[in-house]
């Protein structure tokens, strides 16, 4: 990659066909997919507020679906160091219903994977290094101004770049974009950590619905990546507990399928919300978290963003104009709506209903019904692996 220092002349006078705001996994994938489909690398620019070393050392865990792995393979960023998921066990605490999704039923090597954010960025950066699009970092976009034939992109140091199309990928929304989205705040906080158990089940992931929200355990390294969604007041209490007390409460919420919890890393809490339904703009398009920031239930956020990037790159490589953005919006609407709707419904059942409510009971019973209906189970599995096709 050609990293352009802000003090240089590269960004001062050059217009780009596509400027991508955000050089995380979705932004980097969008650039790589555009190049793979024939766009000249020097006509693509990425702007990112972080240095490359900051992103490549990011230890966060991410869920990558089998379909997303196929997309990454197209651009030379797969395989990477990861843990495979062969089975997904979905259950409701205190209720009979459960469903088990197994890779063998779909003749696939894996349902998905668990990797580090930094490992994926490293692989994508290496794949792009061979093609050298322009990358401006560290830099922040301070303003976007639409013109008849371009978008003027103002940087925080006062410089301005003109691009035919601007792609907002990942990160926070700019004010003018945030005003065009639907915002919903869940009454939940996600507690994330890495935990160890004394009876692990290799390559099996768990999604456990509790009275306050979903609890996910994803196989990673010598244990599991934990995402535990609880009400904010309870999250503060759990985060303040000594490790032994926290693991005891986690065991009570999850159950004994993995034995006892024997270790936990530093814990962090994140309030949960939904940004969705970005309105089309003639020359500005949002993908990934900039377009839809989802509840982490089912781990679909990054996978939905990669499907955004794939469709957008295919269209812009053929016609780098506002007409392609309208087509993109139409083609992505069904997949986005299905994924947002699924995660939002499951989150709302627990965020809005007290423990033991009828809606929660019906969800537990529904899991049992899905397990006995092969067609319903296949639809659920295909949505998680590939999205709406």
Protein backbone atom coordinates (compact mmCIF):
# COMPACT_ATOMS: atom_id res chain seq x y z
CA UNK A 1 0.00 0.00 0.00
CA UNK A 2 1.13 3.53 -0.74
CA UNK A 3 0.82 5.35 2.58
CA UNK A 4 0.74 9.08 1.83
CA UNK A 5 1.93 11.40 4.59
CA UNK A 6 -0.42 14.33 5.09
CA UNK A 7 2.41 16.77 4.58
CA UNK A 8 3.11 15.45 1.06
CA UNK A 9 1.63 16.47 -2.23
CA UNK A 10 -0.08 13.22 -3.19
CA UNK A 11 -3.44 14.04 -1.64
CA UNK A 12 -3.35 17.76 -2.42
CA UNK A 13 -4.13 17.74 -6.14
CA UNK A 14 -5.26 14.24 -7.12
CA UNK A 15 -8.91 13.37 -7.62
CA UNK A 16 -10.00 9.77 -7.09
CA UNK A 17 -12.70 7.62 -8.63
CA UNK A 18 -13.50 6.18 -5.19
CA UNK A 19 -12.50 7.47 -1.78
CA UNK A 20 -13.13 5.08 1.13
CA UNK A 21 -13.47 6.54 4.62
CA UNK A 22 -12.23 3.84 6.98
CA UNK A 23 -9.42 1.31 6.53
CA UNK A 24 -10.68 -1.43 8.80
CA UNK A 25 -11.73 -4.85 7.44
CA UNK A 26 -14.71 -3.54 5.44
CA UNK A 27 -12.92 -0.55 3.92
CA UNK A 28 -9.84 -2.58 3.02
CA UNK A 29 -12.01 -5.35 1.55
CA UNK A 30 -13.94 -2.84 -0.55
CA UNK A 31 -10.67 -1.48 -2.00
CA UNK A 32 -9.33 -4.97 -2.70
CA UNK A 33 -12.58 -6.06 -4.35
CA UNK A 34 -12.61 -2.94 -6.57
CA UNK A 35 -9.04 -3.67 -7.70
CA UNK A 36 -9.86 -7.35 -8.28
CA UNK A 37 -12.64 -6.22 -10.62
CA UNK A 38 -10.40 -3.98 -12.67
CA UNK A 39 -10.34 -0.52 -11.07
CA UNK A 40 -6.91 1.10 -11.13
CA UNK A 41 -5.34 1.11 -7.66
CA UNK A 42 -4.12 4.70 -8.03
CA UNK A 43 -7.74 5.81 -8.56
CA UNK A 44 -8.70 4.52 -5.11
CA UNK A 45 -7.89 6.25 -1.82
CA UNK A 46 -8.54 5.21 1.76
CA UNK A 47 -8.61 7.61 4.71
CA UNK A 48 -8.21 6.26 8.23
CA UNK A 49 -7.83 7.91 11.63
CA UNK A 50 -5.62 5.11 12.98
CA UNK A 51 -2.13 4.02 12.06
CA UNK A 52 -1.68 0.60 10.51
CA UNK A 53 0.06 -0.67 13.64
CA UNK A 54 -2.92 0.37 15.77
CA UNK A 55 -5.31 -1.72 13.69
CA UNK A 56 -3.07 -4.74 13.12
CA UNK A 57 -2.56 -5.15 16.88
CA UNK A 58 -6.26 -4.84 17.74
CA UNK A 59 -7.05 -7.98 19.82
CA UNK A 60 -10.84 -7.92 19.49
CA UNK A 61 -12.56 -11.14 18.45
CA UNK A 62 -14.67 -11.21 15.29
CA UNK A 63 -17.02 -13.85 13.90
CA UNK A 64 -16.47 -14.65 10.22
CA UNK A 65 -19.08 -16.71 8.43
CA UNK A 66 -18.22 -19.39 5.88
CA UNK A 67 -19.55 -17.12 3.12
CA UNK A 68 -17.35 -14.26 4.31
CA UNK A 69 -14.33 -16.55 4.19
CA UNK A 70 -15.10 -17.18 0.53
CA UNK A 71 -15.20 -13.42 -0.15
CA UNK A 72 -11.87 -12.89 1.60
CA UNK A 73 -10.35 -15.76 -0.38
CA UNK A 74 -11.19 -13.92 -3.61
CA UNK A 75 -8.84 -11.08 -2.63
CA UNK A 76 -6.00 -13.14 -1.17
CA UNK A 77 -6.78 -12.42 2.48
CA UNK A 78 -7.76 -15.95 3.48
CA UNK A 79 -6.99 -18.24 5.24
CA UNK A 80 -5.75 -16.54 8.41
CA UNK A 81 -5.12 -17.73 11.97
CA UNK A 82 -8.54 -18.59 13.38
CA UNK A 83 -10.67 -21.19 15.15
CA UNK A 84 -13.21 -23.09 13.07
CA UNK A 85 -16.85 -23.40 14.11
CA UNK A 86 -18.30 -26.79 13.18
CA UNK A 87 -21.46 -26.62 15.29
CA UNK A 88 -23.65 -23.86 16.72
CA UNK A 89 -25.77 -24.74 19.74
CA UNK A 90 -28.68 -22.35 20.32
CA UNK A 91 -30.73 -22.66 23.51
CA UNK A 92 -32.93 -20.81 26.00
CA UNK A 93 -31.88 -20.88 29.66
CA UNK A 94 -34.39 -22.75 31.80
CA UNK A 95 -36.45 -23.99 28.84
CA UNK A 96 -36.57 -27.22 26.87
CA UNK A 97 -36.18 -25.76 23.37
CA UNK A 98 -32.85 -25.82 21.59
CA UNK A 99 -31.44 -26.24 18.10
CA UNK A 100 -28.09 -27.53 16.85
CA UNK A 101 -26.68 -26.42 13.50
CA UNK A 102 -23.95 -28.73 12.22
CA UNK A 103 -21.62 -28.22 9.26
CA UNK A 104 -22.06 -31.88 8.26
CA UNK A 105 -25.69 -31.22 7.34
CA UNK A 106 -24.55 -28.72 4.69
CA UNK A 107 -21.42 -30.55 3.50
CA UNK A 108 -19.17 -27.63 4.45
CA UNK A 109 -15.72 -27.61 6.08
CA UNK A 110 -16.95 -25.07 8.66
CA UNK A 111 -19.98 -22.95 9.49
CA UNK A 112 -17.71 -20.04 10.34
CA UNK A 113 -14.57 -18.92 12.07
CA UNK A 114 -13.40 -16.85 15.06
CA UNK A 115 -10.40 -14.60 14.46
CA UNK A 116 -8.71 -11.49 15.80
CA UNK A 117 -9.60 -8.17 14.22
CA UNK A 118 -5.90 -7.34 13.90
CA UNK A 119 -5.11 -10.62 12.13
CA UNK A 120 -7.71 -9.91 9.47
CA UNK A 121 -6.47 -6.35 8.94
CA UNK A 122 -2.90 -7.69 8.62
CA UNK A 123 -3.97 -10.15 5.91
CA UNK A 124 -5.97 -7.52 4.02
CA UNK A 125 -3.14 -4.98 4.20
CA UNK A 126 -0.69 -7.57 2.86
CA UNK A 127 -3.05 -8.42 -0.01
CA UNK A 128 -3.39 -4.73 -0.91
CA UNK A 129 0.34 -4.06 -0.62
CA UNK A 130 0.84 -5.73 -4.00
CA UNK A 131 -1.55 -3.24 -5.67
CA UNK A 132 -0.76 -0.04 -3.71
CA UNK A 133 -3.92 2.07 -3.49
CA UNK A 134 -3.31 5.41 -1.79
CA UNK A 135 -3.83 5.31 1.98
CA UNK A 136 -3.95 8.54 4.00
CA UNK A 137 -3.32 7.90 7.68
CA UNK A 138 -3.63 9.10 10.32
CA UNK A 139 -6.28 11.44 8.97
CA UNK A 140 -9.86 12.30 9.84
CA UNK A 141 -12.65 13.37 7.51
CA UNK A 142 -14.18 16.56 8.90
CA UNK A 143 -16.67 17.41 6.14
CA UNK A 144 -18.36 15.99 3.07
CA UNK A 145 -19.78 18.37 0.50
CA UNK A 146 -21.71 16.99 -2.47
CA UNK A 147 -21.14 18.72 -5.82
CA UNK A 148 -22.81 17.96 -9.17
CA UNK A 149 -19.90 15.82 -10.43
CA UNK A 150 -17.94 14.94 -7.28
CA UNK A 151 -17.78 15.02 -3.48
CA UNK A 152 -15.44 17.43 -1.75
CA UNK A 153 -13.89 15.68 1.24
CA UNK A 154 -12.41 17.94 3.88
CA UNK A 155 -9.71 16.57 6.19
CA UNK A 156 -9.10 17.76 9.72
CA UNK A 157 -5.87 19.48 8.72
CA UNK A 158 -7.70 21.73 6.25
CA UNK A 159 -6.83 19.80 3.07
CA UNK A 160 -9.55 18.87 0.59
CA UNK A 161 -9.89 15.88 -1.73
CA UNK A 162 -12.39 15.50 -4.57
CA UNK A 163 -13.75 12.06 -5.42
CA UNK A 164 -16.40 10.83 -7.83
CA UNK A 165 -17.81 8.44 -5.19
CA UNK A 166 -17.28 8.41 -1.42
CA UNK A 167 -17.74 5.17 0.53
CA UNK A 168 -18.23 5.50 4.28
CA UNK A 169 -16.98 2.20 5.74
CA UNK A 170 -16.92 1.41 9.46
CA UNK A 171 -16.29 3.85 12.27
CA UNK A 172 -18.61 6.57 13.45
CA UNK A 173 -21.09 8.30 11.22
CA UNK A 174 -20.53 11.86 10.14
CA UNK A 175 -23.31 14.24 11.27
CA UNK A 176 -24.96 14.53 7.88
CA UNK A 177 -25.11 10.73 7.59
CA UNK A 178 -26.18 10.11 11.17
CA UNK A 179 -29.20 12.33 10.55
CA UNK A 180 -30.28 9.97 7.77
CA UNK A 181 -30.30 6.78 9.84
CA UNK A 182 -32.69 5.19 12.27
CA UNK A 183 -31.25 4.99 15.77
CA UNK A 184 -32.49 2.56 18.42
CA UNK A 185 -30.87 2.13 21.82
CA UNK A 186 -31.23 -1.26 23.48
CA UNK A 187 -31.48 -1.46 27.24
CA UNK A 188 -28.46 -3.78 27.19
CA UNK A 189 -24.70 -3.72 27.65
CA UNK A 190 -22.39 -6.31 26.10
CA UNK A 191 -19.70 -7.68 28.41
CA UNK A 192 -16.79 -9.05 26.37
CA UNK A 193 -13.85 -11.12 27.57
CA UNK A 194 -11.91 -14.32 26.94
CA UNK A 195 -12.79 -17.22 29.24
CA UNK A 196 -11.47 -20.72 29.89
CA UNK A 197 -13.39 -23.83 30.95
CA UNK A 198 -12.46 -27.26 32.26
CA UNK A 199 -14.54 -29.29 29.76
CA UNK A 200 -14.32 -27.54 26.38
CA UNK A 201 -16.13 -28.84 23.31
CA UNK A 202 -13.83 -28.19 20.35
CA UNK A 203 -15.25 -26.23 17.42
CA UNK A 204 -18.69 -25.78 18.98
CA UNK A 205 -20.11 -22.27 19.46
CA UNK A 206 -22.96 -21.45 21.83
CA UNK A 207 -25.74 -18.88 21.70
CA UNK A 208 -27.59 -19.01 25.02
CA UNK A 209 -30.65 -16.81 25.57
CA UNK A 210 -30.95 -15.64 29.16
CA UNK A 211 -33.58 -13.48 30.83
CA UNK A 212 -31.64 -10.30 30.03
CA UNK A 213 -30.21 -11.06 26.60
CA UNK A 214 -28.08 -13.46 24.57
CA UNK A 215 -24.87 -14.99 25.91
CA UNK A 216 -22.44 -16.16 23.21
CA UNK A 217 -19.35 -18.33 23.63
CA UNK A 218 -17.19 -18.69 20.51
CA UNK A 219 -14.25 -21.13 20.46
CA UNK A 220 -10.99 -19.21 20.38
CA UNK A 221 -7.40 -20.13 21.25
CA UNK A 222 -7.41 -22.08 24.54
CA UNK A 223 -10.94 -21.08 25.52
CA UNK A 224 -13.88 -19.00 24.32
CA UNK A 225 -14.60 -15.44 23.29
CA UNK A 226 -17.46 -14.27 25.51
CA UNK A 227 -20.20 -11.79 24.57
CA UNK A 228 -22.74 -11.54 27.41
CA UNK A 229 -25.62 -9.09 26.95
CA UNK A 230 -27.25 -7.91 30.17
CA UNK A 231 -29.14 -4.87 31.44
CA UNK A 232 -26.87 -1.86 32.08
CA UNK A 233 -27.21 -1.83 35.87
CA UNK A 234 -26.37 -5.53 36.06
CA UNK A 235 -23.45 -5.02 33.68
CA UNK A 236 -21.88 -2.50 36.04
CA UNK A 237 -22.26 -4.94 38.90
CA UNK A 238 -20.79 -7.86 36.93
CA UNK A 239 -17.86 -5.81 35.67
CA UNK A 240 -16.98 -4.82 39.24
CA UNK A 241 -16.99 -8.39 40.62
CA UNK A 242 -13.77 -10.27 41.44
CA UNK A 243 -12.91 -12.83 38.77
CA UNK A 244 -14.01 -15.83 40.84
CA UNK A 245 -17.41 -14.29 41.59
CA UNK A 246 -17.87 -13.25 37.95
CA UNK A 247 -17.14 -16.76 36.70
CA UNK A 248 -19.58 -18.20 39.22
CA UNK A 249 -22.37 -15.95 37.95
CA UNK A 250 -21.42 -16.67 34.35
CA UNK A 251 -21.68 -20.39 35.10
CA UNK A 252 -25.12 -19.90 36.62
CA UNK A 253 -26.29 -18.05 33.51
CA UNK A 254 -24.74 -20.40 30.95
CA UNK A 255 -25.06 -23.80 32.62
CA UNK A 256 -22.70 -26.75 32.85
CA UNK A 257 -22.30 -27.84 29.21
CA UNK A 258 -18.62 -26.81 29.34
CA UNK A 259 -18.00 -27.69 32.95
CA UNK A 260 -16.77 -24.91 35.24
CA UNK A 261 -15.31 -21.59 34.15
CA UNK A 262 -11.68 -21.58 35.25
CA UNK A 263 -10.26 -18.29 33.94
CA UNK A 264 -11.32 -14.90 32.63
CA UNK A 265 -9.39 -12.07 30.99
CA UNK A 266 -9.94 -8.35 31.50
CA UNK A 267 -13.61 -7.53 31.02
CA UNK A 268 -15.06 -4.62 29.06
CA UNK A 269 -18.61 -3.37 28.63
CA UNK A 270 -20.18 -1.72 25.57
CA UNK A 271 -23.69 -0.19 25.37
CA UNK A 272 -25.71 -1.66 22.52
CA UNK A 273 -27.72 0.15 19.89
CA UNK A 274 -28.87 -0.05 16.29
CA UNK A 275 -28.08 2.27 13.38
CA UNK A 276 -29.94 1.23 10.28
CA UNK A 277 -31.77 2.34 7.14
CA UNK A 278 -29.26 4.84 5.70
CA UNK A 279 -30.93 6.92 3.00
CA UNK A 280 -29.33 6.91 -0.46
CA UNK A 281 -27.20 9.89 -1.44
CA UNK A 282 -26.23 10.60 -5.07
CA UNK A 283 -22.46 10.18 -4.56
CA UNK A 284 -22.05 9.00 -0.94
CA UNK A 285 -22.78 5.44 0.18
CA UNK A 286 -22.46 3.77 3.59
CA UNK A 287 -21.47 0.14 4.06
CA UNK A 288 -20.61 -2.01 7.06
CA UNK A 289 -21.02 -0.47 10.50
CA UNK A 290 -21.53 2.96 8.96
CA UNK A 291 -24.69 1.66 7.30
CA UNK A 292 -25.93 -0.67 10.02
CA UNK A 293 -24.51 -1.14 13.50
CA UNK A 294 -26.21 -4.31 14.71
CA UNK A 295 -26.81 -6.01 18.01
CA UNK A 296 -24.07 -8.68 18.37
CA UNK A 297 -26.57 -11.56 18.65
CA UNK A 298 -25.64 -14.15 15.97
CA UNK A 299 -22.42 -12.23 15.15
CA UNK A 300 -23.63 -10.89 11.80
CA UNK A 301 -22.28 -7.32 11.71
CA UNK A 302 -19.00 -7.79 9.83
CA UNK A 303 -20.43 -10.48 7.58
CA UNK A 304 -23.22 -8.16 6.44
CA UNK A 305 -20.61 -5.47 5.80
CA UNK A 306 -18.50 -7.77 3.63
CA UNK A 307 -21.54 -8.60 1.52
CA UNK A 308 -22.11 -4.84 1.15
CA UNK A 309 -18.52 -4.41 -0.05
CA UNK A 310 -18.80 -7.28 -2.55
CA UNK A 311 -21.94 -5.92 -4.20
CA UNK A 312 -20.71 -2.32 -4.23
CA UNK A 313 -17.36 -3.24 -5.80
CA UNK A 314 -19.03 -5.25 -8.55
CA UNK A 315 -21.30 -2.32 -9.45
CA UNK A 316 -18.74 0.50 -9.22
CA UNK A 317 -16.18 -1.43 -11.26
CA UNK A 318 -18.72 -1.48 -14.10
CA UNK A 319 -20.10 2.04 -13.67
CA UNK A 320 -18.55 4.46 -11.18
CA UNK A 321 -21.57 6.77 -11.06
CA UNK A 322 -24.57 7.69 -8.88
CA UNK A 323 -26.69 5.24 -10.88
CA UNK A 324 -24.70 2.37 -9.38
CA UNK A 325 -25.42 3.60 -5.85
CA UNK A 326 -29.15 3.44 -6.54
CA UNK A 327 -28.74 -0.09 -7.87
CA UNK A 328 -26.64 -0.99 -4.84
CA UNK A 329 -29.37 0.22 -2.47
CA UNK A 330 -31.98 -1.86 -4.29
CA UNK A 331 -29.85 -5.01 -4.46
CA UNK A 332 -28.78 -4.90 -0.80
CA UNK A 333 -32.18 -4.06 0.67
CA UNK A 334 -33.45 -7.63 1.14
CA UNK A 335 -30.30 -8.99 2.80
CA UNK A 336 -29.92 -5.95 5.03
CA UNK A 337 -33.57 -6.01 6.07
CA UNK A 338 -33.53 -9.74 6.83
CA UNK A 339 -30.33 -9.57 8.89
CA UNK A 340 -31.27 -6.39 10.75
CA UNK A 341 -34.77 -7.72 11.37
CA UNK A 342 -33.55 -11.05 12.74
CA UNK A 343 -31.03 -9.56 15.16
CA UNK A 344 -33.33 -6.70 16.18
CA UNK A 345 -36.23 -9.06 16.96
CA UNK A 346 -34.14 -11.35 19.14
CA UNK A 347 -32.59 -8.41 20.97
CA UNK A 348 -35.93 -6.67 21.52
CA UNK A 349 -37.53 -9.77 23.03
CA UNK A 350 -35.07 -9.58 25.92
CA UNK A 351 -34.48 -5.84 26.09
CA UNK A 352 -38.17 -5.00 26.36
CA UNK A 353 -39.60 -7.99 28.22
CA UNK A 354 -39.08 -9.04 31.85
CA UNK A 355 -37.48 -12.39 32.61
CA UNK A 356 -40.03 -15.16 32.15
CA UNK A 357 -42.29 -13.13 29.84
CA UNK A 358 -44.47 -15.02 27.36
CA UNK A 359 -42.40 -13.71 24.40
CA UNK A 360 -39.26 -15.24 25.92
CA UNK A 361 -41.02 -18.53 26.57
CA UNK A 362 -42.27 -18.65 22.99
CA UNK A 363 -38.75 -18.08 21.70
CA UNK A 364 -37.53 -21.06 23.70
CA UNK A 365 -40.31 -23.23 22.32
CA UNK A 366 -39.56 -21.93 18.82
CA UNK A 367 -35.98 -23.16 19.05
CA UNK A 368 -37.27 -26.66 19.62
CA UNK A 369 -39.61 -26.38 16.64
CA UNK A 370 -36.80 -25.15 14.37
CA UNK A 371 -34.69 -28.15 15.35
CA UNK A 372 -37.44 -30.46 14.18
CA UNK A 373 -38.08 -28.65 10.90
CA UNK A 374 -35.19 -29.18 8.47
CA UNK A 375 -36.35 -26.47 6.07
CA UNK A 376 -36.59 -23.84 8.82
CA UNK A 377 -33.20 -24.84 10.20
CA UNK A 378 -31.61 -24.64 6.75
CA UNK A 379 -33.04 -21.15 6.18
CA UNK A 380 -31.63 -19.99 9.52
CA UNK A 381 -28.24 -21.56 8.82
CA UNK A 382 -28.01 -20.13 5.29
CA UNK A 383 -28.92 -16.65 6.54
CA UNK A 384 -26.09 -16.82 9.08
CA UNK A 385 -23.56 -18.24 6.61
CA UNK A 386 -24.43 -16.44 3.38
CA UNK A 387 -27.12 -13.83 4.01
CA UNK A 388 -30.22 -13.37 1.84
CA UNK A 389 -29.34 -14.42 -1.71
